[in-house]
C-alpha atoms as a PDB file:
ATOM      1  CA  MET A   1     -14.504 -17.393 -47.659  1.00  0.00           C
ATOM      2  CA  ARG A   2     -16.997 -19.096 -49.834  1.00  0.00           C
ATOM      3  CA  LEU A   3     -20.354 -17.117 -50.782  1.00  0.00           C
ATOM      4  CA  GLU A   4     -23.498 -18.406 -49.594  1.00  0.00           C
ATOM      5  CA  ALA A   5     -26.905 -17.398 -49.548  1.00  0.00           C
ATOM      6  CA  ALA A   6     -28.555 -16.071 -46.315  1.00  0.00           C
ATOM      7  CA  GLY A   7     -31.192 -18.685 -46.220  1.00  0.00           C
ATOM      8  CA  ALA A   8     -28.721 -21.608 -45.844  1.00  0.00           C
ATOM      9  CA  TYR A   9     -28.642 -20.234 -42.127  1.00  0.00           C
ATOM     10  CA  ARG A  10     -32.035 -19.546 -41.251  1.00  0.00           C
ATOM     11  CA  ARG A  11     -32.837 -19.946 -37.340  1.00  0.00           C
ATOM     12  CA  THR A  12     -34.680 -22.750 -36.013  1.00  0.00           C
ATOM     13  CA  GLN A  13     -37.973 -21.805 -34.386  1.00  0.00           C
ATOM     14  CA  ALA A  14     -36.026 -22.558 -31.036  1.00  0.00           C
ATOM     15  CA  GLU A  15     -33.387 -19.849 -32.009  1.00  0.00           C
ATOM     16  CA  ARG A  16     -36.401 -17.359 -32.926  1.00  0.00           C
ATOM     17  CA  ASP A  17     -37.897 -18.119 -29.466  1.00  0.00           C
ATOM     18  CA  ASP A  18     -34.610 -17.939 -27.163  1.00  0.00           C
ATOM     19  CA  GLN A  19     -32.181 -14.973 -28.189  1.00  0.00           C
ATOM     20  CA  ARG A  20     -29.445 -16.660 -26.396  1.00  0.00           C
ATOM     21  CA  LEU A  21     -29.711 -19.530 -28.656  1.00  0.00           C
ATOM     22  CA  SER A  22     -29.628 -17.183 -31.600  1.00  0.00           C
ATOM     23  CA  TRP A  23     -26.691 -15.412 -30.313  1.00  0.00           C
ATOM     24  CA  ILE A  24     -24.660 -18.620 -29.614  1.00  0.00           C
ATOM     25  CA  ARG A  25     -24.585 -19.612 -33.253  1.00  0.00           C
ATOM     26  CA  SER A  26     -21.552 -19.159 -35.252  1.00  0.00           C
ATOM     27  CA  ASP A  27     -20.592 -15.458 -36.345  1.00  0.00           C
ATOM     28  CA  ARG A  28     -21.238 -16.363 -40.180  1.00  0.00           C
ATOM     29  CA  ALA A  29     -24.645 -17.773 -39.083  1.00  0.00           C
ATOM     30  CA  PHE A  30     -25.717 -15.086 -36.811  1.00  0.00           C
ATOM     31  CA  PHE A  31     -25.057 -12.105 -39.293  1.00  0.00           C
ATOM     32  CA  ALA A  32     -26.622 -14.400 -42.356  1.00  0.00           C
ATOM     33  CA  SER A  33     -29.950 -14.862 -40.602  1.00  0.00           C
ATOM     34  CA  GLY A  34     -31.168 -12.467 -37.618  1.00  0.00           C
ATOM     35  CA  ALA A  35     -28.370  -9.640 -37.595  1.00  0.00           C
ATOM     36  CA  CYS A  36     -27.537  -8.957 -41.182  1.00  0.00           C
ATOM     37  CA  HIS A  37     -28.821  -5.466 -41.028  1.00  0.00           C
ATOM     38  CA  ILE A  38     -26.724  -4.924 -37.642  1.00  0.00           C
ATOM     39  CA  LEU A  39     -23.690  -6.116 -39.918  1.00  0.00           C
ATOM     40  CA  ALA A  40     -24.432  -3.918 -42.582  1.00  0.00           C
ATOM     41  CA  TRP A  41     -24.466  -0.817 -40.719  1.00  0.00           C
ATOM     42  CA  ALA A  42     -21.553  -1.733 -38.780  1.00  0.00           C
ATOM     43  CA  CYS A  43     -19.598  -1.944 -42.249  1.00  0.00           C
ATOM     44  CA  ARG A  44     -20.800   1.488 -43.106  1.00  0.00           C
ATOM     45  CA  GLU A  45     -19.779   3.090 -39.856  1.00  0.00           C
ATOM     46  CA  ALA A  46     -16.332   1.146 -40.063  1.00  0.00           C
ATOM     47  CA  TYR A  47     -15.542   3.236 -43.524  1.00  0.00           C
ATOM     48  CA  PRO A  48     -16.628   6.681 -42.872  1.00  0.00           C
ATOM     49  CA  ASP A  49     -14.142   7.944 -45.649  1.00  0.00           C
ATOM     50  CA  HIS A  50     -15.688   5.512 -48.288  1.00  0.00           C
ATOM     51  CA  ALA A  51     -19.042   5.537 -50.013  1.00  0.00           C
ATOM     52  CA  VAL A  52     -20.371   2.664 -48.303  1.00  0.00           C
ATOM     53  CA  GLY A  53     -24.139   2.059 -48.801  1.00  0.00           C
ATOM     54  CA  ILE A  54     -26.932  -0.320 -47.463  1.00  0.00           C
ATOM     55  CA  ALA A  55     -29.052  -2.350 -49.974  1.00  0.00           C
ATOM     56  CA  ALA A  56     -31.379  -5.099 -49.228  1.00  0.00           C
ATOM     57  CA  MET A  57     -33.022  -7.888 -50.996  1.00  0.00           C
ATOM     58  CA  ARG A  58     -36.634  -9.223 -51.198  1.00  0.00           C
ATOM     59  CA  PHE A  59     -38.636 -11.665 -53.376  1.00  0.00           C
ATOM     60  CA  VAL A  60     -40.201  -9.907 -56.595  1.00  0.00           C
ATOM     61  CA  GLY A  61     -43.435  -8.516 -55.494  1.00  0.00           C
ATOM     62  CA  GLU A  62     -43.050  -8.181 -51.909  1.00  0.00           C
ATOM     63  CA  SER A  63     -42.339  -5.312 -49.825  1.00  0.00           C
ATOM     64  CA  ARG A  64     -40.202  -6.775 -46.830  1.00  0.00           C
ATOM     65  CA  ALA A  65     -36.640  -7.392 -47.074  1.00  0.00           C
ATOM     66  CA  PHE A  66     -35.216 -10.849 -46.223  1.00  0.00           C
ATOM     67  CA  HIS A  67     -31.496  -9.583 -46.218  1.00  0.00           C
ATOM     68  CA  ALA A  68     -29.602  -6.452 -45.848  1.00  0.00           C
ATOM     69  CA  TYR A  69     -25.953  -5.678 -46.800  1.00  0.00           C
ATOM     70  CA  ALA A  70     -23.286  -3.076 -47.115  1.00  0.00           C
ATOM     71  CA  THR A  71     -22.332  -1.877 -50.899  1.00  0.00           C
ATOM     72  CA  TRP A  72     -19.394  -0.202 -52.356  1.00  0.00           C
ATOM     73  CA  GLY A  73     -19.683   0.236 -56.031  1.00  0.00           C
ATOM     74  CA  SER A  74     -20.105  -3.254 -57.528  1.00  0.00           C
ATOM     75  CA  TRP A  75     -19.268  -5.019 -54.193  1.00  0.00           C
ATOM     76  CA  SER A  76     -21.232  -5.918 -51.537  1.00  0.00           C
ATOM     77  CA  PHE A  77     -20.614  -7.055 -47.922  1.00  0.00           C
ATOM     78  CA  ASP A  78     -22.351  -9.615 -45.779  1.00  0.00           C
ATOM     79  CA  HIS A  79     -21.659 -12.820 -43.790  1.00  0.00           C
ATOM     80  CA  SER A  80     -19.868 -14.162 -46.682  1.00  0.00           C
ATOM     81  CA  GLY A  81     -17.597 -11.077 -46.648  1.00  0.00           C
ATOM     82  CA  TRP A  82     -16.736  -9.119 -49.648  1.00  0.00           C
ATOM     83  CA  ASN A  83     -18.276 -10.341 -53.096  1.00  0.00           C
ATOM     84  CA  ALA A  84     -19.567  -8.967 -56.268  1.00  0.00           C
ATOM     85  CA  GLU A  85     -23.054  -7.732 -55.522  1.00  0.00           C
ATOM     86  CA  SER A  86     -24.196  -9.615 -58.867  1.00  0.00           C
ATOM     87  CA  ALA A  87     -22.812 -12.942 -57.488  1.00  0.00           C
ATOM     88  CA  LEU A  88     -24.550 -12.259 -53.659  1.00  0.00           C
ATOM     89  CA  LEU A  89     -28.053 -11.669 -55.770  1.00  0.00           C
ATOM     90  CA  ALA A  90     -27.462 -14.716 -57.857  1.00  0.00           C
ATOM     91  CA  VAL A  91     -26.529 -17.003 -54.934  1.00  0.00           C
ATOM     92  CA  ASN A  92     -29.727 -16.031 -52.969  1.00  0.00           C
ATOM     93  CA  SER A  93     -31.900 -16.178 -56.056  1.00  0.00           C
ATOM     94  CA  GLU A  94     -30.857 -19.643 -56.773  1.00  0.00           C
ATOM     95  CA  PHE A  95     -30.970 -20.805 -53.227  1.00  0.00           C
ATOM     96  CA  GLU A  96     -34.678 -19.538 -52.744  1.00  0.00           C
ATOM     97  CA  GLY A  97     -35.618 -20.908 -56.166  1.00  0.00           C
ATOM     98  CA  ARG A  98     -37.286 -17.529 -56.911  1.00  0.00           C
ATOM     99  CA  PRO A  99     -36.360 -14.282 -58.398  1.00  0.00           C
ATOM    100  CA  ILE A 100     -35.393 -11.456 -55.942  1.00  0.00           C
ATOM    101  CA  GLU A 101     -34.781  -7.962 -56.299  1.00  0.00           C
ATOM    102  CA  ARG A 102     -32.388  -5.577 -54.673  1.00  0.00           C
ATOM    103  CA  PHE A 103     -33.334  -2.085 -53.353  1.00  0.00           C
ATOM    104  CA  GLY A 104     -31.323   0.717 -51.780  1.00  0.00           C
ATOM    105  CA  VAL A 105     -31.903   1.712 -48.295  1.00  0.00           C
ATOM    106  CA  SER A 106     -31.810   5.224 -47.589  1.00  0.00           C
ATOM    107  CA  SER A 107     -33.206   5.269 -44.129  1.00  0.00           C
ATOM    108  CA  GLY A 108     -31.637   4.754 -40.773  1.00  0.00           C
ATOM    109  CA  LEU A 109     -31.216   1.709 -38.449  1.00  0.00           C
ATOM    110  CA  ALA A 110     -34.233   2.344 -36.927  1.00  0.00           C
ATOM    111  CA  ALA A 111     -36.560   3.005 -39.618  1.00  0.00           C
ATOM    112  CA  PHE A 112     -35.104  -0.130 -41.331  1.00  0.00           C
ATOM    113  CA  CYS A 113     -35.969  -2.305 -38.545  1.00  0.00           C
ATOM    114  CA  GLN A 114     -39.557  -0.835 -38.308  1.00  0.00           C
ATOM    115  CA  ASP A 115     -40.297  -1.290 -41.850  1.00  0.00           C
ATOM    116  CA  HIS A 116     -39.067  -4.885 -42.190  1.00  0.00           C
ATOM    117  CA  TYR A 117     -39.597  -6.125 -38.723  1.00  0.00           C
ATOM    118  CA  SER A 118     -35.843  -6.619 -37.729  1.00  0.00           C
ATOM    119  CA  ARG A 119     -34.591  -6.308 -34.295  1.00  0.00           C
ATOM    120  CA  MET A 120     -32.975  -3.088 -32.814  1.00  0.00           C
ATOM    121  CA  PRO A 121     -29.641  -3.668 -31.259  1.00  0.00           C
ATOM    122  CA  ALA A 122     -30.869  -3.617 -27.809  1.00  0.00           C
ATOM    123  CA  ASP A 123     -33.191  -6.404 -28.864  1.00  0.00           C
ATOM    124  CA  TYR A 124     -30.558  -8.870 -28.896  1.00  0.00           C
ATOM    125  CA  TRP A 125     -28.963 -10.943 -26.049  1.00  0.00           C
ATOM    126  CA  ASP A 126     -25.896  -9.198 -26.034  1.00  0.00           C
ATOM    127  CA  ASP A 127     -24.717  -6.249 -27.974  1.00  0.00           C
ATOM    128  CA  PRO A 128     -24.487  -7.159 -31.490  1.00  0.00           C
ATOM    129  CA  GLY A 129     -22.551  -3.914 -32.716  1.00  0.00           C
ATOM    130  CA  ALA A 130     -19.269  -4.945 -30.992  1.00  0.00           C
ATOM    131  CA  ARG A 131     -19.724  -8.565 -32.478  1.00  0.00           C
ATOM    132  CA  ALA A 132     -20.499  -6.946 -36.116  1.00  0.00           C
ATOM    133  CA  ARG A 133     -17.456  -4.239 -35.660  1.00  0.00           C
ATOM    134  CA  ALA A 134     -15.170  -7.274 -34.956  1.00  0.00           C
ATOM    135  CA  TYR A 135     -16.450  -9.379 -37.810  1.00  0.00           C
ATOM    136  CA  VAL A 136     -16.025  -6.551 -40.175  1.00  0.00           C
ATOM    137  CA  ARG A 137     -12.359  -6.234 -39.085  1.00  0.00           C
ATOM    138  CA  ARG A 138     -11.916  -9.721 -40.619  1.00  0.00           C
ATOM    139  CA  PHE A 139     -12.203  -8.877 -44.301  1.00  0.00           C
ATOM    140  CA  GLU A 140      -9.933  -6.954 -46.554  1.00  0.00           C
ATOM    141  CA  PRO A 141     -12.154  -4.350 -48.161  1.00  0.00           C
ATOM    142  CA  PRO A 142     -12.024  -3.791 -51.951  1.00  0.00           C
ATOM    143  CA  TRP A 143     -10.783  -0.076 -52.117  1.00  0.00           C
ATOM    144  CA  SER A 144      -9.149   0.499 -55.400  1.00  0.00           C
ATOM    145  CA  GLY A 145      -8.388   4.221 -54.622  1.00  0.00           C
ATOM    146  CA  VAL A 146     -11.044   5.031 -56.863  1.00  0.00           C
ATOM    147  CA  GLU A 147     -14.596   5.756 -55.485  1.00  0.00           C
ATOM    148  CA  PRO A 148     -17.452   3.935 -57.088  1.00  0.00           C
ATOM    149  CA  VAL A 149     -20.080   5.258 -59.294  1.00  0.00           C
ATOM    150  CA  LEU A 150     -23.101   6.346 -56.843  1.00  0.00           C
ATOM    151  CA  ASP A 151     -26.150   4.945 -58.612  1.00  0.00           C
ATOM    152  CA  ASP A 152     -28.636   4.504 -55.931  1.00  0.00           C
ATOM    153  CA  PRO A 153     -29.892   6.027 -52.906  1.00  0.00           C
ATOM    154  CA  GLY A 154     -28.732   3.409 -50.553  1.00  0.00           C
ATOM    155  CA  ARG A 155     -25.345   4.706 -51.268  1.00  0.00           C
ATOM    156  CA  ARG A 156     -23.634   7.540 -49.426  1.00  0.00           C
ATOM    157  CA  ASP A 157     -22.436  10.170 -51.530  1.00  0.00           C
ATOM    158  CA  PRO A 158     -18.915  10.871 -50.689  1.00  0.00           C
ATOM    159  CA  GLN A 159     -19.916  14.755 -50.319  1.00  0.00           C
ATOM    160  CA  ASP A 160     -22.208  13.680 -47.379  1.00  0.00           C
ATOM    161  CA  LEU A 161     -19.080  12.611 -45.678  1.00  0.00           C
ATOM    162  CA  ALA A 162     -17.666  16.248 -45.279  1.00  0.00           C
END
């Protein structure tokens, strides 16, 4: 699957106003813009035996995230599937035409939603969790048999899995 910036799938005002219109978009569009955080947490939950973390990106100097994604070592997972995290950040920065920064997310989904004005699962037209779990299963994870180096608080320590 081709790596694309999240902003390429921004919702229209009608899709922002009507949850059903937002829901009926393609999975890729839905998880690029409007439910990326749901997909990130679904990816983490799908692989409890791996140190899958959560990260997000924001414009430099701003506090609000505009895209969340799952991480594993130097890999990222979002609407474009598994890609090098550096490539994900670069394609989004290029698309937006300004610098962005990555930050690790150590809070839970509810706190993330509150802090970044994102919808909780119950606020969608239907269950985004089931849709996200099915989407995650479409992609082969990049596991190499060696756990990645954990270098930020958004990544889970394998010891936390016990």
